[in-house]
Amino acid sequence: MAVPKGKTSKARRDTRRNSHWKISLPGLVTCPKCGAARLPHRMCKSCGYYNDRAVVKTENNND
C-alpha cells in the first residue's frame, strides 16, 4: 500500500531551496587603457574606451 510522505520541515525545505538563488560574482576584466575593473564586452566607465576607441567623451580622455 502507498504510505503518505512525511511532513518536510520549513528548515529542511528552505535549506534545499536556498542554493539555487545565490547571486554569483560577475567576471571582471581590467581595462587595457586605464587599468580599471570593468565588465567584459562593455565600455569602460572610467575612461570611456571600448576596443581601443573612445566611445564616450569623459574628463579622463586624453584625446
Protein backbone atom coordinates (compact mmCIF):
# COMPACT_ATOMS: atom_id res chain seq x y z
CA MET A 1 0.00 0.00 0.00
CA ALA A 2 1.03 3.57 -0.50
CA VAL A 3 2.43 5.36 2.51
CA PRO A 4 1.89 9.12 2.88
CA LYS A 5 5.04 11.19 2.72
CA GLY A 6 6.23 12.66 5.98
CA LYS A 7 5.99 16.38 6.58
CA THR A 8 9.05 18.30 5.44
CA SER A 9 10.02 20.92 7.99
CA LYS A 10 10.49 24.54 6.96
CA ALA A 11 14.19 24.38 7.78
CA ARG A 12 14.75 21.32 5.56
CA ARG A 13 12.65 22.81 2.75
CA ASP A 14 14.46 26.16 2.86
CA THR A 15 17.87 24.51 3.04
CA ARG A 16 17.09 22.60 -0.12
CA ARG A 17 15.86 25.71 -1.94
CA ASN A 18 18.50 28.23 -0.86
CA SER A 19 21.32 27.02 -3.12
CA HIS A 20 19.51 27.93 -6.35
CA TRP A 21 19.06 31.64 -5.63
CA LYS A 22 22.61 32.69 -4.83
CA ILE A 23 23.99 35.54 -6.90
CA SER A 24 27.37 34.82 -8.40
CA LEU A 25 30.03 37.47 -8.79
CA PRO A 26 30.26 38.73 -12.39
CA GLY A 27 33.52 38.13 -14.22
CA LEU A 28 35.52 41.35 -14.24
CA VAL A 29 38.40 42.23 -16.55
CA THR A 30 40.86 45.09 -16.39
CA CYS A 31 40.64 47.89 -18.92
CA PRO A 32 43.73 47.87 -21.16
CA LYS A 33 43.65 51.67 -21.40
CA CYS A 34 43.32 52.77 -17.77
CA GLY A 35 43.51 49.52 -15.75
CA ALA A 36 40.12 49.92 -14.05
CA ALA A 37 37.89 46.88 -13.47
CA ARG A 38 35.01 46.60 -15.94
CA LEU A 39 32.58 44.02 -17.27
CA PRO A 40 33.71 42.15 -20.39
CA HIS A 41 32.36 43.33 -23.77
CA ARG A 42 31.35 46.67 -22.31
CA MET A 43 32.69 50.18 -22.37
CA CYS A 44 34.95 51.25 -19.51
CA LYS A 45 33.07 53.67 -17.29
CA SER A 46 36.18 55.46 -16.08
CA CYS A 47 37.88 56.24 -19.40
CA GLY A 48 35.08 55.72 -21.96
CA TYR A 49 37.05 53.38 -24.25
CA TYR A 50 35.95 50.12 -25.89
CA ASN A 51 38.13 48.17 -28.35
CA ASP A 52 40.81 50.90 -28.30
CA ARG A 53 38.29 53.52 -29.43
CA ALA A 54 36.85 56.44 -27.50
CA VAL A 55 33.14 55.68 -27.34
CA VAL A 56 32.13 58.33 -24.81
CA LYS A 57 33.82 61.62 -24.04
CA THR A 58 34.88 61.77 -20.41
CA GLU A 59 37.16 64.00 -18.40
CA ASN A 60 39.81 61.26 -18.39
CA ASN A 61 40.03 61.03 -22.21
CA ASN A 62 43.46 62.18 -23.33
CA ASP A 63 42.47 62.58 -27.00
